[in-house]
N, C-alpha and C. Protein backbone atom coordinates (compact mmCIF):
# COMPACT_ATOMS: atom_id res chain seq x y z
N ALA A 1 -0.69 -26.54 7.35
CA ALA A 1 -1.62 -27.08 8.24
C ALA A 1 -1.05 -27.62 9.44
N ALA A 2 -0.08 -27.42 10.67
CA ALA A 2 0.54 -27.45 11.90
C ALA A 2 -0.28 -26.41 12.79
N LYS A 3 0.04 -25.05 12.34
CA LYS A 3 -0.41 -24.03 12.56
C LYS A 3 -2.18 -24.39 12.67
N LEU A 4 -2.19 -24.26 11.69
CA LEU A 4 -4.05 -24.04 11.47
C LEU A 4 -4.74 -24.92 12.35
N VAL A 5 -4.28 -26.42 12.10
CA VAL A 5 -4.75 -27.53 13.45
C VAL A 5 -4.23 -27.03 14.65
N THR A 6 -3.26 -26.53 15.42
CA THR A 6 -2.85 -25.91 16.81
C THR A 6 -3.74 -24.92 17.46
N THR A 7 -3.71 -24.11 16.09
CA THR A 7 -4.73 -22.66 16.83
C THR A 7 -5.64 -22.90 16.75
N SER A 8 -6.58 -24.46 16.19
CA SER A 8 -7.42 -24.96 17.12
C SER A 8 -7.55 -25.90 18.22
N GLY A 9 -6.73 -25.58 19.10
CA GLY A 9 -6.26 -26.06 20.27
C GLY A 9 -6.38 -28.00 20.11
N ILE A 10 -5.44 -28.27 19.34
CA ILE A 10 -5.97 -30.11 18.63
C ILE A 10 -3.91 -30.12 18.54
N PRO A 11 -3.81 -31.27 19.22
CA PRO A 11 -2.67 -32.04 18.95
C PRO A 11 -2.05 -32.07 17.65
N MET A 12 -1.02 -32.18 16.69
CA MET A 12 -0.81 -33.20 15.64
C MET A 12 0.52 -33.87 15.46
N VAL A 13 -0.09 -33.83 15.32
CA VAL A 13 1.82 -35.65 14.68
C VAL A 13 1.70 -35.60 13.09
N MET A 14 2.89 -35.28 12.62
CA MET A 14 3.19 -35.63 11.63
C MET A 14 4.51 -36.71 11.43
N CYS A 15 4.30 -37.44 10.45
CA CYS A 15 4.74 -38.46 10.51
C CYS A 15 5.16 -39.34 8.73
N HIS A 16 6.11 -40.44 8.57
CA HIS A 16 5.89 -40.62 7.50
C HIS A 16 4.60 -41.89 7.15
N SER A 17 3.66 -41.35 6.36
CA SER A 17 3.00 -42.00 5.96
C SER A 17 2.92 -43.58 5.33
N LYS A 18 4.12 -44.46 5.25
CA LYS A 18 4.86 -45.57 5.21
C LYS A 18 5.75 -46.19 6.41
N ALA A 19 5.09 -45.48 7.57
CA ALA A 19 5.38 -46.20 8.95
C ALA A 19 4.50 -47.06 8.61
N ASP A 20 4.74 -48.16 9.89
CA ASP A 20 4.20 -49.15 10.19
C ASP A 20 3.31 -48.73 11.14
N ASN A 21 1.45 -49.32 10.98
CA ASN A 21 0.29 -48.06 11.36
C ASN A 21 1.03 -46.77 12.87
N ALA A 22 1.61 -46.11 11.50
CA ALA A 22 1.62 -44.78 12.19
C ALA A 22 0.40 -44.16 13.32
N VAL A 23 -0.84 -44.19 13.29
CA VAL A 23 -1.69 -43.15 13.12
C VAL A 23 -1.96 -44.24 14.83
N LEU A 24 -1.44 -45.33 14.93
CA LEU A 24 -2.15 -45.84 15.89
C LEU A 24 -0.64 -45.70 16.79
N ARG A 25 0.37 -45.96 16.51
CA ARG A 25 1.44 -45.45 17.25
C ARG A 25 1.78 -44.55 17.54
N ALA A 26 1.04 -43.19 17.09
CA ALA A 26 1.22 -41.86 17.19
C ALA A 26 -0.06 -41.42 18.72
N VAL A 27 -1.02 -42.35 18.78
CA VAL A 27 -2.14 -42.19 18.91
C VAL A 27 -1.34 -42.23 20.51
N ARG A 28 -0.83 -43.28 20.49
CA ARG A 28 -0.12 -44.26 22.00
C ARG A 28 0.80 -43.63 22.82
N GLY A 29 1.11 -42.34 21.81
CA GLY A 29 2.64 -41.51 22.92
C GLY A 29 3.98 -41.53 22.16
N GLU A 30 3.71 -42.60 21.31
CA GLU A 30 5.14 -43.10 20.60
C GLU A 30 5.88 -42.19 20.16
N SER A 31 6.92 -41.77 19.77
CA SER A 31 7.83 -40.92 18.61
C SER A 31 8.10 -40.97 17.60
N ILE A 32 7.21 -41.24 17.16
CA ILE A 32 6.99 -41.39 15.74
C ILE A 32 7.40 -40.71 14.40
N GLY A 33 7.44 -39.05 15.04
CA GLY A 33 7.50 -38.28 13.25
C GLY A 33 7.54 -36.72 14.70
N THR A 34 6.70 -35.75 13.82
CA THR A 34 7.12 -34.79 14.61
C THR A 34 5.93 -33.80 15.50
N PHE A 35 6.21 -33.71 16.94
CA PHE A 35 4.67 -33.38 17.32
C PHE A 35 4.56 -31.90 17.46
N PHE A 36 3.52 -30.95 17.34
CA PHE A 36 2.50 -30.22 17.30
C PHE A 36 1.77 -29.44 18.46
N LYS A 37 2.27 -29.29 19.55
CA LYS A 37 1.14 -28.81 20.66
C LYS A 37 0.10 -27.83 20.43
N PRO A 38 -0.56 -28.29 20.85
CA PRO A 38 -2.42 -27.56 20.97
C PRO A 38 -2.05 -26.18 21.40
N ALA A 39 -2.22 -25.28 20.97
CA ALA A 39 -2.52 -24.26 21.30
C ALA A 39 -3.44 -23.53 22.57
N SER A 40 -2.21 -23.08 23.63
CA SER A 40 -2.69 -22.55 24.73
C SER A 40 -4.92 -21.77 24.53
N SER A 41 -5.04 -21.08 24.02
CA SER A 41 -6.11 -20.73 22.88
C SER A 41 -6.16 -21.17 22.26
N LYS A 42 -7.79 -21.14 22.00
CA LYS A 42 -8.32 -21.59 20.47
C LYS A 42 -8.62 -20.30 19.49
N LEU A 43 -8.20 -19.99 19.27
CA LEU A 43 -8.68 -18.66 18.00
C LEU A 43 -9.88 -18.23 17.14
N GLU A 44 -10.60 -17.77 17.20
CA GLU A 44 -11.69 -18.42 16.12
C GLU A 44 -11.97 -18.08 14.73
N ALA A 45 -12.57 -18.32 14.58
CA ALA A 45 -13.33 -19.45 13.29
C ALA A 45 -12.36 -18.79 12.12
N ARG A 46 -12.23 -17.25 12.19
CA ARG A 46 -12.57 -16.68 11.34
C ARG A 46 -10.91 -16.55 11.19
N LYS A 47 -10.10 -15.93 11.98
CA LYS A 47 -8.44 -16.04 12.11
C LYS A 47 -7.98 -17.54 11.71
N ARG A 48 -8.13 -18.79 12.45
CA ARG A 48 -8.05 -19.98 11.61
C ARG A 48 -8.03 -20.08 10.16
N TRP A 49 -9.11 -19.24 9.63
CA TRP A 49 -9.65 -19.14 8.25
C TRP A 49 -8.02 -17.85 7.46
N MET A 50 -7.88 -17.34 8.18
CA MET A 50 -6.06 -16.73 7.43
C MET A 50 -5.61 -17.71 7.76
N LEU A 51 -5.07 -17.58 8.88
CA LEU A 51 -4.27 -18.79 8.96
C LEU A 51 -4.39 -19.42 8.17
N SER A 52 -5.18 -20.02 7.40
CA SER A 52 -5.28 -21.71 6.41
C SER A 52 -4.28 -20.78 5.23
N GLY A 53 -4.06 -19.42 4.86
CA GLY A 53 -3.58 -19.26 3.60
C GLY A 53 -4.41 -19.71 2.06
N ILE A 54 -5.39 -19.94 2.56
CA ILE A 54 -6.67 -20.34 0.90
C ILE A 54 -6.41 -19.10 0.05
N SER A 55 -6.11 -18.18 0.74
CA SER A 55 -6.25 -16.65 0.13
C SER A 55 -5.32 -15.76 -0.36
N GLN A 56 -4.01 -16.39 0.26
CA GLN A 56 -2.91 -15.39 0.55
C GLN A 56 -2.98 -15.08 -0.88
N ARG A 57 -3.63 -14.19 -1.56
CA ARG A 57 -2.17 -13.51 -2.96
C ARG A 57 -1.31 -12.04 -2.80
N GLY A 58 -0.80 -11.70 -1.24
CA GLY A 58 0.12 -11.14 -1.80
C GLY A 58 0.58 -10.34 0.36
N GLN A 59 1.28 -9.76 -0.45
CA GLN A 59 1.55 -8.95 1.11
C GLN A 59 1.90 -7.67 0.65
N ILE A 60 1.79 -6.87 2.01
CA ILE A 60 2.46 -5.59 2.08
C ILE A 60 3.97 -6.09 3.24
N VAL A 61 4.70 -5.17 2.67
CA VAL A 61 6.32 -5.21 3.51
C VAL A 61 5.89 -3.75 4.12
N VAL A 62 6.02 -3.93 5.83
CA VAL A 62 6.34 -2.61 6.84
C VAL A 62 7.29 -2.22 7.24
N ASP A 63 7.48 -0.91 7.73
CA ASP A 63 9.23 -0.32 8.43
C ASP A 63 8.46 -0.73 9.54
N THR A 64 10.11 -0.64 10.34
CA THR A 64 10.39 -1.11 11.31
C THR A 64 8.93 -0.73 12.58
N GLY A 65 8.72 1.00 12.39
CA GLY A 65 7.47 1.38 13.41
C GLY A 65 6.14 0.40 13.19
N ALA A 66 6.15 -0.04 11.93
CA ALA A 66 4.46 -0.12 12.32
C ALA A 66 4.43 -1.74 12.55
N ALA A 67 5.79 -2.34 11.78
CA ALA A 67 5.90 -3.85 12.75
C ALA A 67 5.85 -3.58 13.91
N GLY A 68 6.42 -3.02 14.99
CA GLY A 68 6.25 -2.80 16.05
C GLY A 68 5.21 -2.34 17.15
N ALA A 69 4.40 -1.38 16.16
CA ALA A 69 2.93 -1.17 16.41
C ALA A 69 2.23 -2.22 15.79
N LEU A 70 2.06 -3.15 15.34
CA LEU A 70 1.43 -4.90 14.86
C LEU A 70 1.96 -5.97 16.09
N VAL A 71 2.74 -5.82 15.87
CA VAL A 71 3.14 -6.78 17.49
C VAL A 71 3.28 -6.40 18.63
N ARG A 72 3.73 -5.32 18.79
CA ARG A 72 4.15 -5.25 20.64
C ARG A 72 2.83 -4.67 21.20
N ASP A 73 2.24 -3.16 20.17
CA ASP A 73 1.27 -2.58 21.06
C ASP A 73 -0.31 -3.36 20.46
N HIS A 74 -0.77 -4.47 19.13
CA HIS A 74 -1.49 -5.21 18.84
C HIS A 74 -2.58 -3.67 17.62
N ARG A 75 -1.77 -2.95 17.00
CA ARG A 75 -2.68 -1.91 16.58
C ARG A 75 -2.64 -2.42 15.28
N SER A 76 -3.57 -1.77 14.52
CA SER A 76 -4.60 -1.81 13.21
C SER A 76 -3.49 -1.72 12.50
N LEU A 77 -2.33 -1.45 10.91
CA LEU A 77 -1.77 -1.50 10.01
C LEU A 77 -2.20 0.05 9.49
N LEU A 78 -1.61 0.57 9.39
CA LEU A 78 -2.02 2.19 7.96
C LEU A 78 -1.24 2.68 7.81
N PRO A 79 -1.39 3.17 6.55
CA PRO A 79 -1.01 3.17 4.82
C PRO A 79 0.89 3.89 5.14
N ALA A 80 0.84 4.75 6.73
CA ALA A 80 1.92 5.37 6.40
C ALA A 80 3.60 4.69 6.63
N GLY A 81 2.88 3.38 8.05
CA GLY A 81 4.06 2.41 8.16
C GLY A 81 4.12 1.30 6.95
N ILE A 82 3.28 1.65 5.88
CA ILE A 82 3.73 0.28 4.66
C ILE A 82 4.89 0.77 3.79
N GLN A 83 5.64 0.23 3.40
CA GLN A 83 6.78 0.48 2.25
C GLN A 83 6.78 0.07 1.19
N TYR A 84 6.15 -1.10 0.92
CA TYR A 84 5.55 -1.81 -0.61
C TYR A 84 4.94 -2.26 -0.66
N VAL A 85 3.97 -2.98 -1.74
CA VAL A 85 2.97 -3.87 -1.89
C VAL A 85 3.57 -4.69 -2.96
N GLU A 86 3.62 -6.54 -2.44
CA GLU A 86 3.40 -7.80 -3.67
C GLU A 86 2.76 -8.20 -3.47
N GLY A 87 2.05 -8.71 -5.24
CA GLY A 87 0.99 -9.42 -6.06
C GLY A 87 0.24 -8.32 -5.97
N ASP A 88 -1.21 -8.88 -6.70
CA ASP A 88 -2.66 -8.95 -7.30
C ASP A 88 -4.13 -9.20 -5.88
N PHE A 89 -3.85 -8.61 -5.27
CA PHE A 89 -4.92 -8.51 -4.13
C PHE A 89 -6.27 -7.45 -4.69
N SER A 90 -7.74 -8.03 -3.98
CA SER A 90 -8.66 -7.55 -4.03
C SER A 90 -8.76 -7.04 -2.43
N ARG A 91 -9.51 -5.86 -2.86
CA ARG A 91 -10.40 -5.60 -1.12
C ARG A 91 -10.68 -6.47 -0.41
N GLY A 92 -10.37 -6.51 0.99
CA GLY A 92 -11.28 -8.23 1.40
C GLY A 92 -10.49 -9.78 1.45
N GLU A 93 -9.70 -9.91 0.83
CA GLU A 93 -8.53 -10.58 1.03
C GLU A 93 -7.59 -10.98 1.77
N ALA A 94 -7.38 -12.13 2.15
CA ALA A 94 -6.19 -11.92 3.15
C ALA A 94 -4.83 -12.34 3.13
N ILE A 95 -4.05 -11.66 3.35
CA ILE A 95 -2.39 -11.11 2.12
C ILE A 95 -1.52 -11.17 3.69
N TYR A 96 -0.35 -10.94 3.51
CA TYR A 96 0.93 -11.77 4.69
C TYR A 96 0.88 -10.01 4.75
N VAL A 97 1.68 -9.91 6.11
CA VAL A 97 2.31 -8.79 6.67
C VAL A 97 3.81 -8.63 7.01
N VAL A 98 4.63 -8.26 6.21
CA VAL A 98 6.08 -8.68 6.29
C VAL A 98 7.41 -7.68 6.91
N ASP A 99 7.57 -7.83 7.46
CA ASP A 99 8.31 -6.89 8.45
C ASP A 99 9.92 -6.49 6.94
N SER A 100 10.28 -5.50 7.00
CA SER A 100 11.71 -4.84 6.05
C SER A 100 12.46 -5.59 6.03
N ASN A 101 12.85 -7.46 7.13
CA ASN A 101 13.78 -8.61 6.78
C ASN A 101 12.98 -9.47 5.53
N GLY A 102 11.71 -9.66 5.63
CA GLY A 102 11.37 -10.36 5.13
C GLY A 102 10.79 -11.10 5.58
N VAL A 103 10.38 -11.19 7.21
CA VAL A 103 10.31 -11.95 8.10
C VAL A 103 8.27 -11.52 7.92
N LYS A 104 7.66 -12.71 7.92
CA LYS A 104 6.21 -12.59 8.27
C LYS A 104 5.21 -12.36 9.17
N ILE A 105 4.80 -11.70 9.75
CA ILE A 105 4.46 -10.98 11.58
C ILE A 105 3.14 -10.78 11.10
N ALA A 106 1.96 -11.35 10.36
CA ALA A 106 1.41 -11.67 10.25
C ALA A 106 -0.03 -11.24 9.53
N CYS A 107 -1.39 -12.05 9.40
CA CYS A 107 -1.98 -12.60 8.17
C CYS A 107 -2.93 -11.73 8.79
N GLY A 108 -3.90 -10.66 7.09
CA GLY A 108 -4.87 -10.25 7.90
C GLY A 108 -5.40 -9.90 5.85
N ILE A 109 -7.09 -9.22 6.90
CA ILE A 109 -7.29 -8.82 5.31
C ILE A 109 -8.14 -7.29 4.87
N ALA A 110 -7.75 -7.20 4.10
CA ALA A 110 -7.05 -5.95 3.28
C ALA A 110 -8.43 -4.73 2.76
N ASN A 111 -7.74 -4.08 4.01
CA ASN A 111 -8.94 -2.45 3.51
C ASN A 111 -9.47 -2.49 2.10
N TYR A 112 -8.19 -2.40 1.56
CA TYR A 112 -8.21 -2.02 -0.19
C TYR A 112 -7.29 -2.65 -1.24
N ALA A 113 -7.66 -3.06 -2.18
CA ALA A 113 -6.89 -3.44 -3.55
C ALA A 113 -5.22 -3.34 -3.34
N ALA A 114 -4.56 -4.42 -3.34
CA ALA A 114 -2.74 -4.28 -4.09
C ALA A 114 -2.24 -2.84 -5.19
N ARG A 115 -3.42 -2.49 -5.73
CA ARG A 115 -3.28 -0.99 -6.42
C ARG A 115 -3.30 0.07 -5.79
N ASP A 116 -4.35 0.01 -5.12
CA ASP A 116 -5.35 1.25 -4.52
C ASP A 116 -3.66 1.31 -3.31
N ILE A 117 -3.48 -0.10 -2.65
CA ILE A 117 -2.58 0.63 -1.73
C ILE A 117 -1.06 1.06 -2.03
N GLY A 118 -0.67 0.88 -2.85
CA GLY A 118 0.32 1.06 -3.51
C GLY A 118 0.08 2.45 -3.74
N LYS A 119 -0.57 2.98 -3.87
CA LYS A 119 -0.94 4.62 -4.14
C LYS A 119 -1.17 5.22 -3.07
N ILE A 120 -1.31 4.94 -1.92
CA ILE A 120 -1.33 5.98 -0.43
C ILE A 120 -0.85 4.91 0.21
N GLN A 121 0.81 4.55 -0.18
CA GLN A 121 1.44 3.65 1.16
C GLN A 121 2.82 5.00 1.51
N GLY A 122 2.98 5.16 2.78
CA GLY A 122 3.58 5.54 3.01
C GLY A 122 3.06 7.19 3.46
N MET A 123 1.74 7.46 3.21
CA MET A 123 0.90 8.27 3.25
C MET A 123 0.13 9.06 5.00
N ASN A 124 -0.42 9.60 5.61
CA ASN A 124 -1.77 9.40 6.10
C ASN A 124 -2.68 8.95 5.97
N SER A 125 -3.01 9.08 6.83
CA SER A 125 -3.99 8.15 6.68
C SER A 125 -5.49 8.66 6.21
N GLU A 126 -5.57 10.17 7.04
CA GLU A 126 -5.98 11.43 6.51
C GLU A 126 -5.87 12.10 4.76
N LEU A 127 -4.92 11.43 4.17
CA LEU A 127 -5.02 11.24 2.82
C LEU A 127 -5.19 10.18 1.70
N ILE A 128 -6.36 9.26 2.27
CA ILE A 128 -6.93 8.30 1.42
C ILE A 128 -7.82 8.58 0.62
N GLU A 129 -9.03 9.77 1.03
CA GLU A 129 -9.57 9.76 -0.06
C GLU A 129 -8.95 11.31 -1.06
N GLU A 130 -8.93 12.52 -0.41
CA GLU A 130 -7.87 12.85 -1.59
C GLU A 130 -7.61 11.58 -2.27
N THR A 131 -6.48 10.56 -2.26
CA THR A 131 -5.73 10.01 -3.33
C THR A 131 -6.68 9.44 -4.17
N LEU A 132 -7.43 8.48 -3.01
CA LEU A 132 -8.11 7.83 -3.79
C LEU A 132 -9.39 7.65 -4.59
N GLY A 133 -9.89 9.32 -4.48
CA GLY A 133 -11.12 9.13 -4.20
C GLY A 133 -12.49 8.95 -3.59
N TYR A 134 -12.40 7.99 -2.61
CA TYR A 134 -12.91 7.08 -1.95
C TYR A 134 -12.30 6.51 -0.50
N HIS A 135 -12.88 5.74 0.93
CA HIS A 135 -12.15 6.29 2.13
C HIS A 135 -13.59 4.49 2.66
N TYR A 136 -12.47 3.51 2.95
CA TYR A 136 -12.69 2.38 3.88
C TYR A 136 -12.37 2.69 5.10
N GLY A 137 -11.60 3.35 5.51
CA GLY A 137 -10.95 3.35 7.00
C GLY A 137 -10.26 4.01 6.78
N GLN A 138 -9.26 4.58 8.45
CA GLN A 138 -8.31 5.01 8.47
C GLN A 138 -7.06 3.33 7.87
N GLU A 139 -7.29 2.61 8.02
CA GLU A 139 -6.65 1.38 8.65
C GLU A 139 -6.10 0.53 7.54
N VAL A 140 -5.21 -0.32 6.46
CA VAL A 140 -5.74 -0.74 5.66
C VAL A 140 -5.40 -2.51 6.07
N VAL A 141 -5.56 -3.01 6.83
CA VAL A 141 -5.52 -4.04 7.84
C VAL A 141 -6.02 -3.51 9.39
N HIS A 142 -7.25 -3.50 9.26
CA HIS A 142 -8.02 -3.07 10.77
C HIS A 142 -6.95 -3.87 12.08
N ARG A 143 -7.09 -4.25 13.03
CA ARG A 143 -6.55 -5.56 13.94
C ARG A 143 -7.72 -5.93 14.52
N ASN A 144 -8.65 -5.59 14.48
CA ASN A 144 -9.87 -7.07 14.50
C ASN A 144 -9.67 -8.10 13.33
N ASN A 145 -9.30 -7.80 12.41
CA ASN A 145 -8.81 -8.45 10.96
C ASN A 145 -7.57 -8.65 11.24
N LEU A 146 -6.82 -8.91 11.74
CA LEU A 146 -4.75 -9.21 11.78
C LEU A 146 -4.91 -10.35 12.59
N VAL A 147 -4.19 -11.42 12.57
CA VAL A 147 -3.72 -12.39 13.17
C VAL A 147 -1.98 -12.52 13.25
N LEU A 148 -1.79 -12.31 14.56
CA LEU A 148 0.18 -12.40 14.37
C LEU A 148 0.39 -13.32 14.53
N LEU A 149 2.11 -13.68 13.70
CA LEU A 149 2.59 -15.34 13.63
C LEU A 149 3.21 -15.74 14.67
């Protein structure tokens, strides 16, 4: 919740609801709970939706090279860097991208369903159509549909 609110450019305080005058005290700046600073730049609505976790039903585990390409170089996720898929999700659903240590590094919209990603993981993008019989693009998650965590 804090990530969704702060990426919208809004500060947030989380405190115990039974504290006397909690909201009023927080607005006055009293240290009554945990304060979350707003992000310096707002995310577009679609990216805030991805971060909200409403439809995140699975995750893709990537190797070190793919993790670096996403985080450092702001690239799209290609099948070659995928180690394995967890969960059951459809094309167009928001999913997590996790590094090999289990750390969530991104959230994005999948171009392929989980079962199809399982078939193309580790492959070169040029083999997608040959393997699946169709092609929705070279990227499993396009960088325009990806939010770094």
